[in-house]
Structure formats: structure tokens, C-alpha cells
N, C-alpha and C. Protein backbone atom coordinates (compact mmCIF):
# COMPACT_ATOMS: atom_id res chain seq x y z
N MET A 1 -26.03 44.51 -18.70
CA MET A 1 -25.46 43.51 -17.81
C MET A 1 -23.99 43.86 -17.54
N PRO A 2 -23.56 43.87 -16.24
CA PRO A 2 -22.21 44.24 -15.95
C PRO A 2 -21.19 43.23 -16.40
N GLU A 3 -20.01 43.68 -16.74
CA GLU A 3 -18.96 42.77 -17.16
C GLU A 3 -18.30 42.10 -15.92
N HIS A 4 -18.01 40.87 -16.03
CA HIS A 4 -17.40 40.13 -14.92
C HIS A 4 -15.90 40.46 -14.89
N SER A 5 -15.39 40.70 -13.69
CA SER A 5 -13.99 40.93 -13.51
C SER A 5 -13.52 40.30 -12.21
N PRO A 6 -12.24 40.01 -12.06
CA PRO A 6 -11.77 39.44 -10.81
C PRO A 6 -11.72 40.40 -9.65
N ALA A 7 -11.88 41.70 -9.93
CA ALA A 7 -11.81 42.71 -8.86
C ALA A 7 -13.08 42.60 -8.03
N PRO A 8 -12.95 42.80 -6.66
CA PRO A 8 -14.13 42.68 -5.85
C PRO A 8 -15.11 43.85 -6.10
N THR A 9 -16.35 43.55 -6.01
CA THR A 9 -17.41 44.57 -6.08
C THR A 9 -17.45 45.31 -4.79
N PRO A 10 -18.02 46.51 -4.76
CA PRO A 10 -18.12 47.29 -3.52
C PRO A 10 -18.86 46.49 -2.43
N HIS A 11 -19.84 45.69 -2.83
CA HIS A 11 -20.59 44.92 -1.82
C HIS A 11 -19.67 43.87 -1.16
N ARG A 12 -18.90 43.13 -1.97
CA ARG A 12 -17.93 42.13 -1.46
C ARG A 12 -16.84 42.82 -0.68
N ALA A 13 -16.41 43.93 -1.08
CA ALA A 13 -15.32 44.64 -0.38
C ALA A 13 -15.70 45.02 1.03
N ILE A 14 -16.96 45.54 1.19
CA ILE A 14 -17.45 45.91 2.49
C ILE A 14 -17.51 44.72 3.42
N TYR A 15 -18.12 43.56 2.93
CA TYR A 15 -18.16 42.37 3.73
C TYR A 15 -16.77 41.84 4.05
N GLY A 16 -15.86 41.90 3.11
CA GLY A 16 -14.45 41.46 3.36
C GLY A 16 -13.83 42.29 4.47
N PHE A 17 -14.02 43.58 4.43
CA PHE A 17 -13.39 44.45 5.49
C PHE A 17 -14.04 44.15 6.83
N ALA A 18 -15.39 43.95 6.85
CA ALA A 18 -16.07 43.64 8.13
C ALA A 18 -15.57 42.32 8.70
N PHE A 19 -15.39 41.31 7.85
CA PHE A 19 -14.90 40.03 8.38
C PHE A 19 -13.46 40.15 8.84
N TYR A 20 -12.68 40.98 8.15
CA TYR A 20 -11.27 41.17 8.56
C TYR A 20 -11.20 41.79 9.96
N ILE A 21 -12.03 42.81 10.18
CA ILE A 21 -12.09 43.48 11.54
C ILE A 21 -12.59 42.54 12.57
N LEU A 22 -13.64 41.75 12.25
CA LEU A 22 -14.24 40.81 13.20
C LEU A 22 -13.19 39.75 13.62
N PHE A 23 -12.51 39.11 12.66
CA PHE A 23 -11.55 38.08 13.02
C PHE A 23 -10.31 38.65 13.67
N THR A 24 -9.94 39.85 13.37
CA THR A 24 -8.81 40.46 14.09
C THR A 24 -9.19 40.68 15.54
N VAL A 25 -10.36 41.16 15.84
CA VAL A 25 -10.82 41.35 17.20
C VAL A 25 -10.94 40.03 17.92
N LEU A 26 -11.50 39.04 17.26
CA LEU A 26 -11.61 37.71 17.87
C LEU A 26 -10.23 37.11 18.18
N PHE A 27 -9.25 37.32 17.29
CA PHE A 27 -7.90 36.80 17.51
C PHE A 27 -7.26 37.48 18.75
N PHE A 28 -7.46 38.79 18.88
CA PHE A 28 -6.89 39.47 20.08
C PHE A 28 -7.59 39.05 21.34
N VAL A 29 -8.93 38.81 21.30
CA VAL A 29 -9.66 38.29 22.49
C VAL A 29 -9.13 36.92 22.86
N TYR A 30 -8.85 36.08 21.84
CA TYR A 30 -8.34 34.73 22.12
C TYR A 30 -6.94 34.80 22.74
N VAL A 31 -6.06 35.67 22.20
CA VAL A 31 -4.74 35.79 22.75
C VAL A 31 -4.82 36.38 24.20
N ALA A 32 -5.73 37.33 24.43
CA ALA A 32 -5.87 37.85 25.79
C ALA A 32 -6.35 36.77 26.73
N TRP A 33 -7.33 35.99 26.32
CA TRP A 33 -7.83 34.91 27.16
C TRP A 33 -6.74 33.87 27.46
N ALA A 34 -5.90 33.58 26.47
CA ALA A 34 -4.88 32.56 26.65
C ALA A 34 -3.75 33.04 27.58
N PHE A 35 -3.43 34.36 27.56
CA PHE A 35 -2.25 34.80 28.30
C PHE A 35 -2.54 35.57 29.58
N LEU A 36 -3.74 36.16 29.72
CA LEU A 36 -4.06 36.88 30.93
C LEU A 36 -4.34 35.98 32.11
N PRO A 37 -4.03 36.35 33.28
CA PRO A 37 -4.29 35.47 34.45
C PRO A 37 -5.75 35.30 34.72
N VAL A 38 -6.05 34.26 35.41
CA VAL A 38 -7.48 33.90 35.73
C VAL A 38 -8.08 34.78 36.78
N GLU A 39 -7.29 35.50 37.56
CA GLU A 39 -7.76 36.29 38.74
C GLU A 39 -8.52 37.54 38.35
N LEU A 40 -8.89 37.74 37.10
CA LEU A 40 -9.58 38.96 36.75
C LEU A 40 -11.11 38.83 37.01
N GLY A 41 -11.59 37.75 37.49
CA GLY A 41 -12.98 37.62 37.84
C GLY A 41 -13.84 36.99 36.76
N MET A 42 -13.30 36.69 35.60
CA MET A 42 -14.11 36.11 34.52
C MET A 42 -13.87 34.62 34.40
N HIS A 43 -13.16 34.01 35.33
CA HIS A 43 -12.75 32.61 35.16
C HIS A 43 -13.97 31.66 35.19
N SER A 44 -15.07 32.03 35.83
CA SER A 44 -16.22 31.10 35.89
C SER A 44 -16.98 31.11 34.53
N TYR A 45 -16.80 32.09 33.69
CA TYR A 45 -17.49 32.20 32.43
C TYR A 45 -16.70 31.71 31.24
N LEU A 46 -15.41 31.57 31.38
CA LEU A 46 -14.56 31.16 30.29
C LEU A 46 -14.09 29.71 30.42
N PRO A 47 -13.83 29.06 29.31
CA PRO A 47 -13.34 27.70 29.42
C PRO A 47 -11.90 27.62 29.98
N ASP A 48 -11.45 26.46 30.27
CA ASP A 48 -10.14 26.22 30.85
C ASP A 48 -9.05 26.65 29.88
N LYS A 49 -7.90 27.07 30.44
CA LYS A 49 -6.77 27.49 29.62
C LYS A 49 -6.21 26.37 28.78
N TYR A 50 -6.48 25.16 29.17
CA TYR A 50 -6.02 23.97 28.45
C TYR A 50 -6.49 24.03 27.01
N PHE A 51 -7.67 24.56 26.76
CA PHE A 51 -8.23 24.60 25.42
C PHE A 51 -7.58 25.61 24.49
N ALA A 52 -6.82 26.57 25.14
CA ALA A 52 -6.08 27.55 24.35
C ALA A 52 -4.99 26.90 23.52
N VAL A 53 -4.47 25.80 24.03
CA VAL A 53 -3.41 25.04 23.36
C VAL A 53 -4.05 23.88 22.57
N PHE A 54 -5.03 23.22 23.20
CA PHE A 54 -5.55 21.99 22.67
C PHE A 54 -6.25 22.16 21.34
N VAL A 55 -7.08 23.20 21.20
CA VAL A 55 -7.93 23.45 19.96
C VAL A 55 -7.01 23.71 18.81
N PRO A 56 -6.02 24.64 18.85
CA PRO A 56 -5.17 24.84 17.69
C PRO A 56 -4.33 23.60 17.30
N VAL A 57 -3.84 22.86 18.29
CA VAL A 57 -3.10 21.66 18.01
C VAL A 57 -3.99 20.60 17.38
N LEU A 58 -5.20 20.47 17.86
CA LEU A 58 -6.15 19.54 17.27
C LEU A 58 -6.44 19.87 15.83
N ILE A 59 -6.67 21.14 15.52
CA ILE A 59 -6.90 21.57 14.14
C ILE A 59 -5.73 21.28 13.26
N MET A 60 -4.49 21.55 13.77
CA MET A 60 -3.30 21.30 12.93
C MET A 60 -3.06 19.79 12.69
N VAL A 61 -3.32 18.95 13.73
CA VAL A 61 -3.15 17.54 13.55
C VAL A 61 -4.17 16.97 12.58
N CYS A 62 -5.41 17.39 12.71
CA CYS A 62 -6.48 16.95 11.75
C CYS A 62 -6.16 17.35 10.35
N ALA A 63 -5.68 18.58 10.17
CA ALA A 63 -5.31 19.04 8.87
C ALA A 63 -4.12 18.24 8.29
N PHE A 64 -3.12 17.95 9.15
CA PHE A 64 -1.98 17.20 8.74
C PHE A 64 -2.39 15.80 8.27
N PHE A 65 -3.26 15.10 9.02
CA PHE A 65 -3.73 13.79 8.63
C PHE A 65 -4.56 13.82 7.40
N ALA A 66 -5.43 14.86 7.25
CA ALA A 66 -6.30 14.91 6.09
C ALA A 66 -5.58 15.29 4.80
N VAL A 67 -4.47 16.07 4.92
CA VAL A 67 -3.80 16.53 3.68
C VAL A 67 -2.59 15.67 3.37
N ILE A 68 -1.86 15.11 4.38
CA ILE A 68 -0.65 14.40 4.10
C ILE A 68 -0.74 12.92 4.37
N ILE A 69 -1.19 12.47 5.57
CA ILE A 69 -1.08 11.11 5.91
C ILE A 69 -2.05 10.23 5.17
N TYR A 70 -3.35 10.56 5.11
CA TYR A 70 -4.33 9.71 4.49
C TYR A 70 -4.07 9.61 2.93
N PRO A 71 -3.80 10.68 2.23
CA PRO A 71 -3.42 10.51 0.84
C PRO A 71 -2.16 9.64 0.64
N ALA A 72 -1.17 9.77 1.53
CA ALA A 72 0.03 9.00 1.42
C ALA A 72 -0.27 7.52 1.63
N ILE A 73 -1.14 7.18 2.55
CA ILE A 73 -1.54 5.78 2.75
C ILE A 73 -2.23 5.26 1.48
N ASN A 74 -3.16 6.02 0.92
CA ASN A 74 -3.85 5.61 -0.29
C ASN A 74 -2.87 5.42 -1.43
N LEU A 75 -1.93 6.31 -1.62
CA LEU A 75 -0.96 6.14 -2.68
C LEU A 75 -0.03 4.94 -2.48
N SER A 76 0.29 4.67 -1.26
CA SER A 76 1.19 3.51 -1.00
C SER A 76 0.45 2.18 -1.17
N LEU A 77 -0.88 2.15 -1.00
CA LEU A 77 -1.63 0.91 -1.17
C LEU A 77 -2.10 0.70 -2.59
N THR A 78 -2.00 1.68 -3.46
CA THR A 78 -2.41 1.61 -4.85
C THR A 78 -1.33 0.85 -5.63
N PRO A 79 -1.73 -0.18 -6.42
CA PRO A 79 -0.72 -0.87 -7.23
C PRO A 79 -0.16 0.03 -8.32
N ASP A 80 1.00 -0.33 -8.85
CA ASP A 80 1.60 0.42 -9.95
C ASP A 80 0.69 0.33 -11.17
N ILE A 81 0.83 1.31 -12.09
CA ILE A 81 -0.03 1.38 -13.24
C ILE A 81 0.21 0.20 -14.19
N ASP A 82 1.46 -0.30 -14.23
CA ASP A 82 1.76 -1.41 -15.13
C ASP A 82 1.68 -2.76 -14.45
N SER A 83 1.17 -2.82 -13.23
CA SER A 83 1.05 -4.04 -12.51
C SER A 83 -0.22 -4.77 -12.91
N ILE A 84 -0.12 -6.15 -12.84
CA ILE A 84 -1.27 -6.97 -13.16
C ILE A 84 -2.38 -6.77 -12.13
N ALA A 85 -2.00 -6.43 -10.90
CA ALA A 85 -2.97 -6.26 -9.85
C ALA A 85 -3.87 -5.02 -10.02
N SER A 86 -3.46 -4.11 -10.92
CA SER A 86 -4.31 -2.96 -11.19
C SER A 86 -5.43 -3.29 -12.18
N VAL A 87 -5.37 -4.48 -12.85
CA VAL A 87 -6.39 -4.88 -13.81
C VAL A 87 -7.20 -6.03 -13.25
N ALA A 88 -6.60 -7.00 -12.65
CA ALA A 88 -7.30 -8.23 -12.17
C ALA A 88 -7.01 -8.38 -10.72
N ASP A 89 -7.99 -8.89 -9.98
CA ASP A 89 -7.82 -9.21 -8.55
C ASP A 89 -7.20 -10.56 -8.48
N LEU A 90 -5.95 -10.63 -8.04
CA LEU A 90 -5.21 -11.86 -8.08
C LEU A 90 -5.77 -12.91 -7.09
N LYS A 91 -6.36 -12.49 -5.99
CA LYS A 91 -6.89 -13.40 -5.03
C LYS A 91 -8.22 -14.02 -5.48
N LEU A 92 -8.94 -13.40 -6.33
CA LEU A 92 -10.18 -13.95 -6.82
C LEU A 92 -9.97 -14.84 -8.07
N VAL A 93 -9.00 -14.52 -8.86
CA VAL A 93 -8.83 -15.21 -10.14
C VAL A 93 -8.13 -16.60 -9.94
N LEU A 94 -7.13 -16.62 -9.07
CA LEU A 94 -6.33 -17.82 -8.96
C LEU A 94 -6.61 -18.57 -7.68
N PRO A 95 -6.44 -19.89 -7.69
CA PRO A 95 -6.59 -20.62 -6.43
C PRO A 95 -5.44 -20.31 -5.51
N LYS A 96 -5.57 -20.75 -4.26
CA LYS A 96 -4.56 -20.40 -3.27
C LYS A 96 -3.23 -21.06 -3.62
N GLY A 97 -2.17 -20.32 -3.37
CA GLY A 97 -0.82 -20.87 -3.52
C GLY A 97 -0.27 -20.69 -4.95
N SER A 98 -1.03 -20.28 -5.88
CA SER A 98 -0.44 -20.07 -7.24
C SER A 98 -0.21 -18.59 -7.49
N GLU A 99 0.95 -18.34 -8.08
CA GLU A 99 1.33 -16.98 -8.40
C GLU A 99 1.69 -16.95 -9.89
N PHE A 100 1.57 -15.79 -10.45
CA PHE A 100 1.89 -15.64 -11.83
C PHE A 100 2.53 -14.30 -12.10
N THR A 101 3.17 -14.17 -13.23
CA THR A 101 3.81 -12.91 -13.62
C THR A 101 3.38 -12.45 -14.99
N SER A 102 2.67 -13.27 -15.76
CA SER A 102 2.28 -12.86 -17.11
C SER A 102 0.83 -13.27 -17.35
N TRP A 103 0.22 -12.67 -18.35
CA TRP A 103 -1.15 -12.94 -18.68
C TRP A 103 -1.34 -14.30 -19.28
N SER A 104 -0.32 -14.77 -20.08
CA SER A 104 -0.43 -16.11 -20.70
C SER A 104 -0.44 -17.20 -19.61
N GLN A 105 0.30 -17.00 -18.51
CA GLN A 105 0.29 -17.97 -17.43
C GLN A 105 -1.11 -17.96 -16.76
N LEU A 106 -1.72 -16.78 -16.64
CA LEU A 106 -3.08 -16.69 -16.07
C LEU A 106 -4.08 -17.41 -16.93
N GLN A 107 -3.97 -17.24 -18.28
CA GLN A 107 -4.88 -17.92 -19.17
C GLN A 107 -4.77 -19.44 -19.07
N SER A 108 -3.58 -19.95 -18.99
CA SER A 108 -3.37 -21.40 -18.93
C SER A 108 -3.94 -21.95 -17.61
N GLN A 109 -3.73 -21.21 -16.52
CA GLN A 109 -4.20 -21.70 -15.20
C GLN A 109 -5.75 -21.63 -15.17
N CYS A 110 -6.34 -20.60 -15.76
CA CYS A 110 -7.79 -20.47 -15.75
C CYS A 110 -8.44 -21.53 -16.62
N SER A 111 -7.86 -21.83 -17.74
CA SER A 111 -8.43 -22.86 -18.63
C SER A 111 -8.21 -24.25 -18.02
N ALA A 112 -7.14 -24.45 -17.29
CA ALA A 112 -6.91 -25.81 -16.67
C ALA A 112 -7.78 -25.96 -15.45
N ALA A 113 -8.15 -24.86 -14.78
CA ALA A 113 -8.93 -24.95 -13.54
C ALA A 113 -10.42 -24.94 -13.82
N THR A 114 -10.86 -24.82 -15.07
CA THR A 114 -12.27 -24.80 -15.38
C THR A 114 -12.87 -26.15 -15.12
N PRO A 115 -13.86 -26.26 -14.21
CA PRO A 115 -14.46 -27.60 -13.94
C PRO A 115 -15.40 -28.04 -15.08
N LYS A 116 -15.47 -29.31 -15.27
CA LYS A 116 -16.42 -29.86 -16.21
C LYS A 116 -17.84 -29.80 -15.62
N PRO A 117 -18.84 -29.53 -16.41
CA PRO A 117 -20.18 -29.41 -15.82
C PRO A 117 -20.64 -30.69 -15.24
N ASN A 118 -21.23 -30.62 -14.08
CA ASN A 118 -21.72 -31.82 -13.38
C ASN A 118 -23.24 -31.82 -13.56
N ARG A 119 -23.79 -32.80 -14.31
CA ARG A 119 -25.17 -32.81 -14.58
C ARG A 119 -25.97 -33.69 -13.62
N SER A 120 -25.26 -34.41 -12.76
CA SER A 120 -26.00 -35.28 -11.85
C SER A 120 -26.47 -34.46 -10.65
N PRO A 121 -27.73 -34.69 -10.27
CA PRO A 121 -28.25 -33.91 -9.12
C PRO A 121 -27.59 -34.44 -7.82
N THR A 122 -27.29 -33.47 -6.98
CA THR A 122 -26.73 -33.82 -5.67
C THR A 122 -27.68 -33.37 -4.62
N THR A 123 -27.62 -34.02 -3.47
CA THR A 123 -28.51 -33.59 -2.39
C THR A 123 -27.66 -32.84 -1.40
N THR A 124 -28.29 -31.80 -0.81
CA THR A 124 -27.61 -31.01 0.21
C THR A 124 -28.51 -30.86 1.41
N LEU A 125 -27.91 -30.69 2.55
CA LEU A 125 -28.67 -30.53 3.79
C LEU A 125 -29.09 -29.08 3.89
N CYS A 126 -30.38 -28.83 4.05
CA CYS A 126 -30.93 -27.50 4.19
C CYS A 126 -30.68 -26.96 5.58
N ASN A 127 -30.13 -25.79 5.73
CA ASN A 127 -29.87 -25.22 7.03
C ASN A 127 -31.13 -24.77 7.70
N LEU A 128 -32.18 -24.46 6.93
CA LEU A 128 -33.41 -23.91 7.47
C LEU A 128 -34.31 -25.01 8.04
N CYS A 129 -34.60 -26.04 7.24
CA CYS A 129 -35.52 -27.08 7.75
C CYS A 129 -34.84 -28.36 8.10
N LYS A 130 -33.54 -28.47 7.97
CA LYS A 130 -32.72 -29.62 8.37
C LYS A 130 -33.09 -30.92 7.62
N THR A 131 -33.53 -30.78 6.33
CA THR A 131 -33.84 -31.94 5.55
C THR A 131 -33.02 -31.85 4.30
N GLU A 132 -32.95 -32.96 3.52
CA GLU A 132 -32.15 -32.96 2.31
C GLU A 132 -32.99 -32.52 1.13
N HIS A 133 -32.38 -31.71 0.29
CA HIS A 133 -33.04 -31.21 -0.94
C HIS A 133 -32.10 -31.52 -2.12
N VAL A 134 -32.72 -31.57 -3.30
CA VAL A 134 -31.91 -31.74 -4.53
C VAL A 134 -31.44 -30.31 -4.87
N ALA A 135 -30.10 -30.21 -5.00
CA ALA A 135 -29.54 -28.92 -5.33
C ALA A 135 -29.70 -28.62 -6.80
N LYS A 136 -30.02 -27.39 -7.14
CA LYS A 136 -30.13 -26.98 -8.57
C LYS A 136 -28.71 -26.64 -9.05
N THR A 137 -28.27 -27.41 -9.99
CA THR A 137 -26.91 -27.16 -10.51
C THR A 137 -27.04 -26.41 -11.85
N ARG A 138 -26.17 -25.50 -12.04
CA ARG A 138 -26.10 -24.73 -13.31
C ARG A 138 -24.73 -24.90 -13.92
N LEU A 139 -24.66 -24.67 -15.19
CA LEU A 139 -23.38 -24.66 -15.81
C LEU A 139 -22.50 -23.50 -15.30
N PRO A 140 -21.23 -23.70 -15.09
CA PRO A 140 -20.42 -22.59 -14.58
C PRO A 140 -20.28 -21.51 -15.63
N ILE A 141 -20.04 -20.32 -15.14
CA ILE A 141 -19.79 -19.21 -16.06
C ILE A 141 -18.44 -19.40 -16.69
N PRO A 142 -18.35 -19.32 -18.00
CA PRO A 142 -17.04 -19.55 -18.64
C PRO A 142 -16.06 -18.46 -18.26
N PRO A 143 -14.81 -18.80 -18.12
CA PRO A 143 -13.83 -17.77 -17.69
C PRO A 143 -13.60 -16.77 -18.79
N LEU A 144 -13.28 -15.57 -18.40
CA LEU A 144 -12.95 -14.51 -19.35
C LEU A 144 -11.59 -14.76 -19.98
N ARG A 145 -11.44 -14.33 -21.16
CA ARG A 145 -10.15 -14.44 -21.85
C ARG A 145 -9.36 -13.19 -21.50
N PHE A 146 -8.25 -13.42 -20.84
CA PHE A 146 -7.38 -12.30 -20.44
C PHE A 146 -6.39 -12.03 -21.55
N LEU A 147 -6.20 -10.79 -21.87
CA LEU A 147 -5.28 -10.36 -22.84
C LEU A 147 -3.89 -10.10 -22.30
N ASP A 148 -2.89 -10.52 -23.02
CA ASP A 148 -1.51 -10.24 -22.61
C ASP A 148 -1.26 -8.77 -22.79
N LEU A 149 -0.80 -8.10 -21.77
CA LEU A 149 -0.59 -6.65 -21.81
C LEU A 149 0.47 -6.27 -22.85
N GLN A 150 1.49 -7.09 -23.01
CA GLN A 150 2.52 -6.84 -23.99
C GLN A 150 1.89 -6.95 -25.39
N GLU A 151 1.02 -7.91 -25.63
CA GLU A 151 0.37 -8.07 -26.89
C GLU A 151 -0.50 -6.87 -27.23
N VAL A 152 -1.24 -6.40 -26.25
CA VAL A 152 -2.10 -5.22 -26.48
C VAL A 152 -1.24 -3.97 -26.82
N ASN A 153 -0.16 -3.77 -26.07
CA ASN A 153 0.68 -2.61 -26.33
C ASN A 153 1.37 -2.70 -27.70
N ALA A 154 1.79 -3.90 -28.12
CA ALA A 154 2.43 -4.07 -29.38
C ALA A 154 1.40 -3.82 -30.52
N THR A 155 0.17 -4.29 -30.34
CA THR A 155 -0.86 -4.05 -31.36
C THR A 155 -1.25 -2.61 -31.42
N TYR A 156 -1.38 -1.96 -30.28
CA TYR A 156 -1.86 -0.57 -30.26
C TYR A 156 -0.82 0.42 -30.67
N TYR A 157 0.41 0.26 -30.25
CA TYR A 157 1.43 1.29 -30.44
C TYR A 157 2.33 1.00 -31.66
N ASN A 158 2.28 -0.22 -32.23
CA ASN A 158 3.14 -0.47 -33.39
C ASN A 158 2.37 -0.44 -34.71
């Protein structure tokens, strides 16, 4: 079994040289098409000269957006690593208008906002048949206990 090395094998070297010659010839044909006048008689078979500028600019703009702009937008929209928003979705956890800065405040608001179970059946209007039905009520899911990030760090690192 041959030993693996980073040096190209003769097979890969031949293909590499062939592709180098091919793309060099294609580049010179492209430059000739872009700069030679249209009056040589081949203008009906070739695309418009506009594409000689448009295609390279389009490729550069797409590469610029894919490599720089879109990752920058994603990084700017990502919350900080020590932010509460990176662990809990603030808009789902809290009612509208309430803001918090610590986990203990979140625990107190969640425990205060927990509704008492309603065991009396209520009737609701069915959207499908337009009659009233007895709604099936279930006990609410108990809220999760949120850990204070400072408490976790003190326990883990001290």
C-alpha cells in the first residue's frame, strides 16, 4: 500500500496542468471578447458586452454578502454570552410590560403569575359548528425553576 503524502501524484499533476491550461485559455478568450470590437462578424453568436462587467461584479457582490454581510448580521443579532436572553426567551416567559435584570426577579414574577387551577367547566363557542361545548380544562403546567446565574457560577467555580 502506498504511503500518503501531501505531494501530488502524477495522475493529479497531469489533471492540474490540464485545468491550468484550460482556464488560462478561457480567461484570454473572455478578455478578448470583452475588449475586441463587435465588428469582427461574431456579434450574433456572442452575448452582449454588458455581461463582461455584470457577471464578475455579480460574483463579487454575492461573495461579499455571503462572507461578510450575512455573518455580520447574525453576529449582531446574537445576544451576549452572559445575557439572560441567551438562556430564556424574555417575550415568552414574562407578561407584556414587565422587564427584569436578574433570575430571582424572574422567579418571583413567575410564581406570582401562576394561575390557580380552575375546576369549574366553562362553555365555549365552537368555530366549526357554531354551538356551545364544555371546554376540557387541565391543570396548568407548573413553571420551571430558574437558577440564578451568579449562584450557579459561585457554586461551580468556588
